[in-house]
Amino acid sequence: NGYRFAYNLCLEYKSTLWKDYKKNISGFDMQKELFILNKEIDFLSICK
């Protein structure tokens, strides 16, 4: 569930950034933002 949520979130984020602002974000930059989210969301924090 955690992986599926993170995947869908990254896919929506990447496509929205390009559609609205014509900006591309790399996988490593998304990883950094996921690391912050991982601490804030309860059901993600219990996963590896």
All heavy atoms as atom14 arrays in JSON, in Angstrom:
{
  "sequence": "NGYRFAYNLCLEYKSTLWKDYKKNISGFDMQKELFILNKEIDFLSICK",
  "atom14_mask": [
    [1, 1, 1, 1, 1, 1, 1, 1, 0, 0, 0, 0, 0, 0],
    [1, 1, 1, 1, 0, 0, 0, 0, 0, 0, 0, 0, 0, 0],
    [1, 1, 1, 1, 1, 1, 1, 1, 1, 1, 1, 1, 0, 0],
    [1, 1, 1, 1, 1, 1, 1, 1, 1, 1, 1, 0, 0, 0],
    [1, 1, 1, 1, 1, 1, 1, 1, 1, 1, 1, 0, 0, 0],
    [1, 1, 1, 1, 1, 0, 0, 0, 0, 0, 0, 0, 0, 0],
    [1, 1, 1, 1, 1, 1, 1, 1, 1, 1, 1, 1, 0, 0],
    [1, 1, 1, 1, 1, 1, 1, 1, 0, 0, 0, 0, 0, 0],
    [1, 1, 1, 1, 1, 1, 1, 1, 0, 0, 0, 0, 0, 0],
    [1, 1, 1, 1, 1, 1, 0, 0, 0, 0, 0, 0, 0, 0],
    [1, 1, 1, 1, 1, 1, 1, 1, 0, 0, 0, 0, 0, 0],
    [1, 1, 1, 1, 1, 1, 1, 1, 1, 0, 0, 0, 0, 0],
    [1, 1, 1, 1, 1, 1, 1, 1, 1, 1, 1, 1, 0, 0],
    [1, 1, 1, 1, 1, 1, 1, 1, 1, 0, 0, 0, 0, 0],
    [1, 1, 1, 1, 1, 1, 0, 0, 0, 0, 0, 0, 0, 0],
    [1, 1, 1, 1, 1, 1, 1, 0, 0, 0, 0, 0, 0, 0],
    [1, 1, 1, 1, 1, 1, 1, 1, 0, 0, 0, 0, 0, 0],
    [1, 1, 1, 1, 1, 1, 1, 1, 1, 1, 1, 1, 1, 1],
    [1, 1, 1, 1, 1, 1, 1, 1, 1, 0, 0, 0, 0, 0],
    [1, 1, 1, 1, 1, 1, 1, 1, 0, 0, 0, 0, 0, 0],
    [1, 1, 1, 1, 1, 1, 1, 1, 1, 1, 1, 1, 0, 0],
    [1, 1, 1, 1, 1, 1, 1, 1, 1, 0, 0, 0, 0, 0],
    [1, 1, 1, 1, 1, 1, 1, 1, 1, 0, 0, 0, 0, 0],
    [1, 1, 1, 1, 1, 1, 1, 1, 0, 0, 0, 0, 0, 0],
    [1, 1, 1, 1, 1, 1, 1, 1, 0, 0, 0, 0, 0, 0],
    [1, 1, 1, 1, 1, 1, 0, 0, 0, 0, 0, 0, 0, 0],
    [1, 1, 1, 1, 0, 0, 0, 0, 0, 0, 0, 0, 0, 0],
    [1, 1, 1, 1, 1, 1, 1, 1, 1, 1, 1, 0, 0, 0],
    [1, 1, 1, 1, 1, 1, 1, 1, 0, 0, 0, 0, 0, 0],
    [1, 1, 1, 1, 1, 1, 1, 1, 0, 0, 0, 0, 0, 0],
    [1, 1, 1, 1, 1, 1, 1, 1, 1, 0, 0, 0, 0, 0],
    [1, 1, 1, 1, 1, 1, 1, 1, 1, 0, 0, 0, 0, 0],
    [1, 1, 1, 1, 1, 1, 1, 1, 1, 0, 0, 0, 0, 0],
    [1, 1, 1, 1, 1, 1, 1, 1, 0, 0, 0, 0, 0, 0],
    [1, 1, 1, 1, 1, 1, 1, 1, 1, 1, 1, 0, 0, 0],
    [1, 1, 1, 1, 1, 1, 1, 1, 0, 0, 0, 0, 0, 0],
    [1, 1, 1, 1, 1, 1, 1, 1, 0, 0, 0, 0, 0, 0],
    [1, 1, 1, 1, 1, 1, 1, 1, 0, 0, 0, 0, 0, 0],
    [1, 1, 1, 1, 1, 1, 1, 1, 1, 0, 0, 0, 0, 0],
    [1, 1, 1, 1, 1, 1, 1, 1, 1, 0, 0, 0, 0, 0],
    [1, 1, 1, 1, 1, 1, 1, 1, 0, 0, 0, 0, 0, 0],
    [1, 1, 1, 1, 1, 1, 1, 1, 0, 0, 0, 0, 0, 0],
    [1, 1, 1, 1, 1, 1, 1, 1, 1, 1, 1, 0, 0, 0],
    [1, 1, 1, 1, 1, 1, 1, 1, 0, 0, 0, 0, 0, 0],
    [1, 1, 1, 1, 1, 1, 0, 0, 0, 0, 0, 0, 0, 0],
    [1, 1, 1, 1, 1, 1, 1, 1, 0, 0, 0, 0, 0, 0],
    [1, 1, 1, 1, 1, 1, 0, 0, 0, 0, 0, 0, 0, 0],
    [1, 1, 1, 1, 1, 1, 1, 1, 1, 0, 0, 0, 0, 0]
  ],
  "atom14_positions": [
    [[0.83, -1.22, 0.0], [0.0, 0.0, 0.0], [0.86, 1.26, 0.0], [0.57, 2.23, -0.71], [-0.93, 0.01, 1.22], [-1.96, -1.1, 1.16], [-2.3, -1.61, 0.09], [-2.47, -1.52, 2.31], [0.0, 0.0, 0.0], [0.0, 0.0, 0.0], [0.0, 0.0, 0.0], [0.0, 0.0, 0.0], [0.0, 0.0, 0.0], [0.0, 0.0, 0.0]],
    [[1.93, 1.25, 0.8], [2.82, 2.4, 0.87], [3.54, 2.65, -0.44], [3.63, 3.79, -0.9], [0.0, 0.0, 0.0], [0.0, 0.0, 0.0], [0.0, 0.0, 0.0], [0.0, 0.0, 0.0], [0.0, 0.0, 0.0], [0.0, 0.0, 0.0], [0.0, 0.0, 0.0], [0.0, 0.0, 0.0], [0.0, 0.0, 0.0], [0.0, 0.0, 0.0]],
    [[4.02, 1.59, -1.06], [4.72, 1.73, -2.34], [3.76, 2.22, -3.42], [4.11, 3.1, -4.21], [5.34, 0.38, -2.76], [5.98, 0.43, -4.12], [7.27, 0.93, -4.29], [5.28, 0.01, -5.26], [7.86, 1.0, -5.54], [5.86, 0.08, -6.51], [7.14, 0.57, -6.65], [7.71, 0.64, -7.9], [0.0, 0.0, 0.0], [0.0, 0.0, 0.0]],
    [[2.55, 1.66, -3.45], [1.56, 2.07, -4.47], [1.2, 3.54, -4.31], [1.11, 4.3, -5.28], [0.3, 1.2, -4.33], [-0.7, 1.39, -5.47], [-1.9, 0.49, -5.32], [-2.7, 0.81, -4.15], [-2.82, 0.01, -3.1], [-2.2, -1.16, -3.06], [-3.56, 0.37, -2.06], [0.0, 0.0, 0.0], [0.0, 0.0, 0.0], [0.0, 0.0, 0.0]],
    [[1.0, 3.98, -3.06], [0.69, 5.39, -2.77], [1.83, 6.29, -3.24], [1.6, 7.32, -3.9], [0.44, 5.57, -1.27], [0.29, 7.0, -0.84], [-0.91, 7.66, -1.01], [1.36, 7.7, -0.28], [-1.06, 8.99, -0.63], [1.22, 9.02, 0.11], [0.0, 9.67, -0.07], [0.0, 0.0, 0.0], [0.0, 0.0, 0.0], [0.0, 0.0, 0.0]],
    [[3.07, 5.92, -2.92], [4.24, 6.73, -3.29], [4.41, 6.78, -4.81], [4.72, 7.84, -5.37], [5.49, 6.15, -2.64], [0.0, 0.0, 0.0], [0.0, 0.0, 0.0], [0.0, 0.0, 0.0], [0.0, 0.0, 0.0], [0.0, 0.0, 0.0], [0.0, 0.0, 0.0], [0.0, 0.0, 0.0], [0.0, 0.0, 0.0], [0.0, 0.0, 0.0]],
    [[4.19, 5.66, -5.48], [4.33, 5.6, -6.95], [3.31, 6.52, -7.62], [3.64, 7.31, -8.5], [4.16, 4.16, -7.43], [4.39, 3.97, -8.91], [5.64, 3.62, -9.4], [3.36, 4.16, -9.84], [5.87, 3.46, -10.76], [3.56, 4.0, -11.19], [4.82, 3.65, -11.65], [5.02, 3.5, -13.0], [0.0, 0.0, 0.0], [0.0, 0.0, 0.0]],
    [[2.04, 6.41, -7.21], [0.97, 7.23, -7.79], [1.18, 8.71, -7.52], [0.91, 9.56, -8.38], [-0.39, 6.78, -7.26], [-0.79, 5.41, -7.79], [-0.24, 4.93, -8.77], [-1.73, 4.77, -7.14], [0.0, 0.0, 0.0], [0.0, 0.0, 0.0], [0.0, 0.0, 0.0], [0.0, 0.0, 0.0], [0.0, 0.0, 0.0], [0.0, 0.0, 0.0]],
    [[1.67, 9.02, -6.31], [1.95, 10.41, -5.93], [3.06, 10.99, -6.8], [2.93, 12.11, -7.32], [2.34, 10.47, -4.45], [2.47, 11.87, -3.83], [1.1, 12.53, -3.71], [3.11, 11.77, -2.45], [0.0, 0.0, 0.0], [0.0, 0.0, 0.0], [0.0, 0.0, 0.0], [0.0, 0.0, 0.0], [0.0, 0.0, 0.0], [0.0, 0.0, 0.0]],
    [[4.13, 10.23, -7.0], [5.27, 10.69, -7.83], [4.85, 10.86, -9.29], [5.26, 11.82, -9.95], [6.42, 9.7, -7.74], [7.26, 9.72, -6.16], [0.0, 0.0, 0.0], [0.0, 0.0, 0.0], [0.0, 0.0, 0.0], [0.0, 0.0, 0.0], [0.0, 0.0, 0.0], [0.0, 0.0, 0.0], [0.0, 0.0, 0.0], [0.0, 0.0, 0.0]],
    [[4.03, 9.93, -9.77], [3.57, 10.0, -11.16], [2.7, 11.24, -11.39], [2.86, 11.96, -12.39], [2.79, 8.73, -11.51], [2.26, 8.59, -12.94], [3.38, 8.72, -13.97], [1.55, 7.25, -13.13], [0.0, 0.0, 0.0], [0.0, 0.0, 0.0], [0.0, 0.0, 0.0], [0.0, 0.0, 0.0], [0.0, 0.0, 0.0], [0.0, 0.0, 0.0]],
    [[1.8, 11.51, -10.45], [0.92, 12.69, -10.55], [1.75, 13.98, -10.44], [1.53, 14.93, -11.2], [-0.14, 12.65, -9.45], [-1.19, 13.72, -9.61], [-2.28, 13.64, -8.55], [-2.18, 12.79, -7.65], [-3.22, 14.45, -8.63], [0.0, 0.0, 0.0], [0.0, 0.0, 0.0], [0.0, 0.0, 0.0], [0.0, 0.0, 0.0], [0.0, 0.0, 0.0]],
    [[2.7, 13.99, -9.52], [3.55, 15.16, -9.29], [4.38, 15.49, -10.53], [4.44, 16.63, -10.98], [4.45, 14.89, -8.08], [5.37, 16.02, -7.68], [4.9, 17.33, -7.59], [6.7, 15.78, -7.35], [5.74, 18.37, -7.21], [7.55, 16.8, -6.96], [7.06, 18.09, -6.9], [7.89, 19.12, -6.52], [0.0, 0.0, 0.0], [0.0, 0.0, 0.0]],
    [[5.0, 14.46, -11.1], [5.86, 14.64, -12.28], [5.07, 15.12, -13.5], [5.49, 16.02, -14.21], [6.57, 13.32, -12.59], [7.73, 13.44, -13.6], [8.45, 12.12, -13.72], [9.49, 12.14, -14.83], [10.69, 12.91, -14.47], [0.0, 0.0, 0.0], [0.0, 0.0, 0.0], [0.0, 0.0, 0.0], [0.0, 0.0, 0.0], [0.0, 0.0, 0.0]],
    [[3.9, 14.5, -13.72], [3.07, 14.87, -14.88], [2.46, 16.27, -14.72], [2.37, 17.03, -15.69], [1.97, 13.83, -15.11], [1.19, 13.66, -13.96], [0.0, 0.0, 0.0], [0.0, 0.0, 0.0], [0.0, 0.0, 0.0], [0.0, 0.0, 0.0], [0.0, 0.0, 0.0], [0.0, 0.0, 0.0], [0.0, 0.0, 0.0], [0.0, 0.0, 0.0]],
    [[2.07, 16.63, -13.49], [1.5, 17.96, -13.22], [2.54, 19.06, -13.4], [2.25, 20.12, -13.97], [0.9, 18.03, -11.79], [-0.02, 16.98, -11.62], [0.2, 19.36, -11.55], [0.0, 0.0, 0.0], [0.0, 0.0, 0.0], [0.0, 0.0, 0.0], [0.0, 0.0, 0.0], [0.0, 0.0, 0.0], [0.0, 0.0, 0.0], [0.0, 0.0, 0.0]],
    [[3.75, 18.8, -12.92], [4.84, 19.78, -13.06], [5.12, 20.09, -14.53], [5.34, 21.24, -14.9], [6.12, 19.25, -12.41], [6.39, 19.62, -10.95], [7.7, 19.0, -10.49], [6.44, 21.13, -10.74], [0.0, 0.0, 0.0], [0.0, 0.0, 0.0], [0.0, 0.0, 0.0], [0.0, 0.0, 0.0], [0.0, 0.0, 0.0], [0.0, 0.0, 0.0]],
    [[5.1, 19.05, -15.34], [5.38, 19.25, -16.76], [4.21, 19.92, -17.47], [4.39, 20.8, -18.31], [5.71, 17.91, -17.42], [5.99, 18.06, -18.89], [5.18, 17.73, -19.92], [7.15, 18.65, -19.48], [5.75, 18.04, -21.12], [6.97, 18.62, -20.88], [8.33, 19.18, -18.97], [7.92, 19.1, -21.76], [9.28, 19.67, -19.86], [9.07, 19.63, -21.24]],
    [[2.99, 19.49, -17.12], [1.79, 20.01, -17.78], [1.58, 21.5, -17.48], [1.26, 22.29, -18.38], [0.57, 19.2, -17.33], [-0.68, 19.48, -18.12], [-1.82, 18.61, -17.62], [-3.11, 18.92, -18.37], [-4.24, 18.09, -17.87], [0.0, 0.0, 0.0], [0.0, 0.0, 0.0], [0.0, 0.0, 0.0], [0.0, 0.0, 0.0], [0.0, 0.0, 0.0]],
    [[1.75, 21.89, -16.22], [1.46, 23.26, -15.8], [2.65, 24.22, -15.94], [2.47, 25.39, -16.26], [0.95, 23.28, -14.35], [-0.37, 22.55, -14.21], [-1.01, 22.28, -15.25], [-0.77, 22.22, -13.07], [0.0, 0.0, 0.0], [0.0, 0.0, 0.0], [0.0, 0.0, 0.0], [0.0, 0.0, 0.0], [0.0, 0.0, 0.0], [0.0, 0.0, 0.0]],
    [[3.87, 23.71, -15.65], [5.02, 24.6, -15.6], [6.14, 24.24, -16.59], [7.18, 24.9, -16.62], [5.61, 24.61, -14.17], [4.6, 24.96, -13.12], [4.04, 23.97, -12.31], [4.18, 26.28, -12.93], [3.09, 24.28, -11.34], [3.25, 26.61, -11.96], [2.7, 25.59, -11.17], [1.78, 25.9, -10.21], [0.0, 0.0, 0.0], [0.0, 0.0, 0.0]],
    [[5.94, 23.18, -17.39], [6.95, 22.69, -18.34], [8.29, 22.45, -17.64], [9.37, 22.73, -18.17], [7.15, 23.69, -19.5], [5.91, 23.96, -20.33], [5.45, 22.71, -21.04], [4.15, 22.97, -21.82], [3.56, 21.73, -22.34], [0.0, 0.0, 0.0], [0.0, 0.0, 0.0], [0.0, 0.0, 0.0], [0.0, 0.0, 0.0], [0.0, 0.0, 0.0]],
    [[8.2, 21.89, -16.44], [9.39, 21.62, -15.64], [9.53, 20.12, -15.4], [8.56, 19.46, -15.03], [9.28, 22.37, -14.3], [10.54, 22.27, -13.44], [10.33, 23.0, -12.12], [11.53, 22.82, -11.21], [11.32, 23.45, -9.89], [0.0, 0.0, 0.0], [0.0, 0.0, 0.0], [0.0, 0.0, 0.0], [0.0, 0.0, 0.0], [0.0, 0.0, 0.0]],
    [[10.73, 19.6, -15.6], [10.98, 18.18, -15.38], [11.7, 17.98, -14.04], [12.55, 18.78, -13.67], [11.83, 17.61, -16.52], [11.98, 16.1, -16.41], [11.1, 15.42, -15.89], [13.11, 15.59, -16.86], [0.0, 0.0, 0.0], [0.0, 0.0, 0.0], [0.0, 0.0, 0.0], [0.0, 0.0, 0.0], [0.0, 0.0, 0.0], [0.0, 0.0, 0.0]],
    [[11.33, 16.92, -13.33], [11.97, 16.61, -12.05], [12.56, 15.2, -12.13], [11.92, 14.28, -12.63], [10.97, 16.76, -10.87], [11.69, 16.58, -9.53], [9.78, 15.83, -11.01], [10.87, 16.96, -8.33], [0.0, 0.0, 0.0], [0.0, 0.0, 0.0], [0.0, 0.0, 0.0], [0.0, 0.0, 0.0], [0.0, 0.0, 0.0], [0.0, 0.0, 0.0]],
    [[13.77, 15.05, -11.64], [14.45, 13.75, -11.73], [13.96, 12.81, -10.62], [13.35, 13.24, -9.64], [15.96, 13.93, -11.62], [16.31, 14.34, -10.31], [0.0, 0.0, 0.0], [0.0, 0.0, 0.0], [0.0, 0.0, 0.0], [0.0, 0.0, 0.0], [0.0, 0.0, 0.0], [0.0, 0.0, 0.0], [0.0, 0.0, 0.0], [0.0, 0.0, 0.0]],
    [[14.28, 11.54, -10.77], [13.91, 10.54, -9.77], [14.58, 10.79, -8.43], [13.98, 10.59, -7.38], [0.0, 0.0, 0.0], [0.0, 0.0, 0.0], [0.0, 0.0, 0.0], [0.0, 0.0, 0.0], [0.0, 0.0, 0.0], [0.0, 0.0, 0.0], [0.0, 0.0, 0.0], [0.0, 0.0, 0.0], [0.0, 0.0, 0.0], [0.0, 0.0, 0.0]],
    [[15.84, 11.27, -8.45], [16.58, 11.53, -7.21], [15.97, 12.71, -6.43], [15.93, 12.69, -5.2], [18.06, 11.8, -7.52], [18.78, 10.59, -8.05], [19.12, 10.5, -9.39], [19.1, 9.53, -7.22], [19.77, 9.39, -9.89], [19.75, 8.41, -7.7], [20.09, 8.32, -9.04], [0.0, 0.0, 0.0], [0.0, 0.0, 0.0], [0.0, 0.0, 0.0]],
    [[15.51, 13.73, -7.17], [14.86, 14.87, -6.5], [13.53, 14.45, -5.86], [13.19, 14.91, -4.76], [14.62, 16.0, -7.5], [15.92, 16.68, -7.93], [16.86, 16.66, -7.12], [15.99, 17.19, -9.06], [0.0, 0.0, 0.0], [0.0, 0.0, 0.0], [0.0, 0.0, 0.0], [0.0, 0.0, 0.0], [0.0, 0.0, 0.0], [0.0, 0.0, 0.0]],
    [[12.8, 13.58, -6.55], [11.54, 13.07, -5.97], [11.81, 12.2, -4.75], [11.03, 12.2, -3.79], [10.75, 12.28, -7.02], [10.08, 13.15, -8.06], [8.86, 12.27, -9.07], [9.91, 11.23, -10.07], [0.0, 0.0, 0.0], [0.0, 0.0, 0.0], [0.0, 0.0, 0.0], [0.0, 0.0, 0.0], [0.0, 0.0, 0.0], [0.0, 0.0, 0.0]],
    [[12.93, 11.48, -4.77], [13.31, 10.65, -3.62], [13.53, 11.51, -2.36], [13.12, 11.13, -1.26], [14.6, 9.88, -3.92], [14.35, 8.53, -4.58], [15.6, 7.67, -4.58], [16.72, 8.16, -4.61], [15.41, 6.38, -4.55], [0.0, 0.0, 0.0], [0.0, 0.0, 0.0], [0.0, 0.0, 0.0], [0.0, 0.0, 0.0], [0.0, 0.0, 0.0]],
    [[14.18, 12.67, -2.56], [14.42, 13.58, -1.43], [13.11, 14.06, -0.81], [12.97, 14.14, 0.42], [15.24, 14.79, -1.89], [16.68, 14.45, -2.23], [17.39, 15.64, -2.85], [18.77, 15.27, -3.36], [19.41, 16.41, -4.06], [0.0, 0.0, 0.0], [0.0, 0.0, 0.0], [0.0, 0.0, 0.0], [0.0, 0.0, 0.0], [0.0, 0.0, 0.0]],
    [[12.14, 14.38, -1.68], [10.84, 14.86, -1.19], [10.05, 13.73, -0.53], [9.32, 13.96, 0.43], [10.06, 15.5, -2.34], [10.77, 16.72, -2.92], [9.87, 17.54, -3.82], [8.65, 17.55, -3.62], [10.41, 18.18, -4.75], [0.0, 0.0, 0.0], [0.0, 0.0, 0.0], [0.0, 0.0, 0.0], [0.0, 0.0, 0.0], [0.0, 0.0, 0.0]],
    [[10.2, 12.52, -1.08], [9.53, 11.36, -0.46], [10.08, 11.06, 0.93], [9.36, 10.63, 1.81], [9.7, 10.11, -1.34], [8.63, 9.82, -2.39], [8.97, 8.53, -3.13], [7.24, 9.71, -1.79], [0.0, 0.0, 0.0], [0.0, 0.0, 0.0], [0.0, 0.0, 0.0], [0.0, 0.0, 0.0], [0.0, 0.0, 0.0], [0.0, 0.0, 0.0]],
    [[11.4, 11.29, 1.09], [12.04, 11.06, 2.39], [11.42, 11.96, 3.47], [11.23, 11.54, 4.62], [13.54, 11.32, 2.28], [14.32, 10.93, 3.49], [14.54, 9.6, 3.8], [14.82, 11.9, 4.36], [15.24, 9.23, 4.94], [15.53, 11.55, 5.48], [15.75, 10.2, 5.78], [0.0, 0.0, 0.0], [0.0, 0.0, 0.0], [0.0, 0.0, 0.0]],
    [[11.1, 13.2, 3.09], [10.45, 14.14, 4.04], [9.02, 13.68, 4.33], [8.57, 13.66, 5.48], [10.46, 15.58, 3.46], [11.9, 16.06, 3.27], [9.7, 16.53, 4.37], [12.05, 17.26, 2.37], [0.0, 0.0, 0.0], [0.0, 0.0, 0.0], [0.0, 0.0, 0.0], [0.0, 0.0, 0.0], [0.0, 0.0, 0.0], [0.0, 0.0, 0.0]],
    [[8.29, 13.3, 3.27], [6.91, 12.82, 3.42], [6.83, 11.57, 4.27], [5.88, 11.36, 5.01], [6.29, 12.53, 2.05], [5.66, 13.69, 1.29], [5.21, 13.21, -0.07], [4.45, 14.26, 2.05], [0.0, 0.0, 0.0], [0.0, 0.0, 0.0], [0.0, 0.0, 0.0], [0.0, 0.0, 0.0], [0.0, 0.0, 0.0], [0.0, 0.0, 0.0]],
    [[7.85, 10.72, 4.14], [7.88, 9.44, 4.85], [7.79, 9.63, 6.37], [7.19, 8.82, 7.08], [9.18, 8.7, 4.49], [9.08, 7.22, 4.76], [8.32, 6.51, 4.11], [9.83, 6.75, 5.73], [0.0, 0.0, 0.0], [0.0, 0.0, 0.0], [0.0, 0.0, 0.0], [0.0, 0.0, 0.0], [0.0, 0.0, 0.0], [0.0, 0.0, 0.0]],
    [[8.38, 10.74, 6.86], [8.35, 11.03, 8.3], [7.02, 11.62, 8.74], [6.59, 11.44, 9.88], [9.48, 12.01, 8.65], [10.87, 11.42, 8.44], [11.94, 12.47, 8.71], [13.34, 11.91, 8.46], [14.38, 12.94, 8.67], [0.0, 0.0, 0.0], [0.0, 0.0, 0.0], [0.0, 0.0, 0.0], [0.0, 0.0, 0.0], [0.0, 0.0, 0.0]],
    [[6.35, 12.31, 7.82], [5.12, 13.03, 8.17], [3.85, 12.16, 8.07], [2.89, 12.38, 8.8], [4.96, 14.25, 7.25], [6.06, 15.29, 7.45], [5.97, 16.43, 6.44], [5.1, 16.36, 5.55], [6.77, 17.38, 6.55], [0.0, 0.0, 0.0], [0.0, 0.0, 0.0], [0.0, 0.0, 0.0], [0.0, 0.0, 0.0], [0.0, 0.0, 0.0]],
    [[3.84, 11.19, 7.17], [2.65, 10.34, 6.98], [2.81, 9.06, 7.78], [3.8, 8.33, 7.62], [2.43, 10.03, 5.48], [2.25, 11.34, 4.69], [1.22, 9.14, 5.28], [2.22, 11.17, 3.19], [0.0, 0.0, 0.0], [0.0, 0.0, 0.0], [0.0, 0.0, 0.0], [0.0, 0.0, 0.0], [0.0, 0.0, 0.0], [0.0, 0.0, 0.0]],
    [[1.83, 8.76, 8.63], [1.93, 7.63, 9.58], [2.08, 6.28, 8.89], [2.94, 5.49, 9.26], [0.7, 7.6, 10.5], [0.66, 8.8, 11.42], [1.75, 9.35, 11.7], [-0.44, 9.2, 11.86], [0.0, 0.0, 0.0], [0.0, 0.0, 0.0], [0.0, 0.0, 0.0], [0.0, 0.0, 0.0], [0.0, 0.0, 0.0], [0.0, 0.0, 0.0]],
    [[1.22, 5.99, 7.89], [1.26, 4.65, 7.29], [2.5, 4.43, 6.41], [2.83, 3.29, 6.08], [-0.03, 4.34, 6.51], [-0.2, 5.09, 5.23], [0.3, 4.6, 4.03], [-0.88, 6.31, 5.2], [0.14, 5.3, 2.85], [-1.05, 7.0, 4.02], [-0.54, 6.5, 2.84], [0.0, 0.0, 0.0], [0.0, 0.0, 0.0], [0.0, 0.0, 0.0]],
    [[3.21, 5.52, 6.05], [4.47, 5.38, 5.34], [5.64, 5.19, 6.31], [6.59, 4.47, 5.99], [4.74, 6.61, 4.47], [3.91, 6.8, 3.2], [4.36, 8.05, 2.46], [3.98, 5.6, 2.27], [0.0, 0.0, 0.0], [0.0, 0.0, 0.0], [0.0, 0.0, 0.0], [0.0, 0.0, 0.0], [0.0, 0.0, 0.0], [0.0, 0.0, 0.0]],
    [[5.55, 5.81, 7.46], [6.65, 5.76, 8.44], [6.86, 4.36, 9.02], [7.94, 4.05, 9.52], [6.4, 6.75, 9.57], [5.19, 6.44, 10.25], [0.0, 0.0, 0.0], [0.0, 0.0, 0.0], [0.0, 0.0, 0.0], [0.0, 0.0, 0.0], [0.0, 0.0, 0.0], [0.0, 0.0, 0.0], [0.0, 0.0, 0.0], [0.0, 0.0, 0.0]],
    [[5.81, 3.49, 8.96], [5.97, 2.12, 9.5], [6.58, 1.16, 8.47], [6.8, -0.01, 8.77], [4.61, 1.56, 10.01], [3.56, 1.57, 8.89], [4.13, 2.32, 11.23], [2.25, 0.91, 9.28], [0.0, 0.0, 0.0], [0.0, 0.0, 0.0], [0.0, 0.0, 0.0], [0.0, 0.0, 0.0], [0.0, 0.0, 0.0], [0.0, 0.0, 0.0]],
    [[6.84, 1.66, 7.26], [7.43, 0.83, 6.19], [8.94, 1.09, 6.09], [9.43, 2.12, 6.56], [6.79, 1.14, 4.84], [5.01, 0.84, 4.79], [0.0, 0.0, 0.0], [0.0, 0.0, 0.0], [0.0, 0.0, 0.0], [0.0, 0.0, 0.0], [0.0, 0.0, 0.0], [0.0, 0.0, 0.0], [0.0, 0.0, 0.0], [0.0, 0.0, 0.0]],
    [[9.63, 0.16, 5.47], [11.07, 0.32, 5.24], [11.28, 1.46, 4.23], [10.67, 1.45, 3.16], [11.66, -0.98, 4.71], [13.17, -1.05, 4.85], [13.7, -2.42, 4.49], [15.21, -2.47, 4.72], [15.78, -3.78, 4.35], [0.0, 0.0, 0.0], [0.0, 0.0, 0.0], [0.0, 0.0, 0.0], [0.0, 0.0, 0.0], [0.0, 0.0, 0.0]]
  ]
}
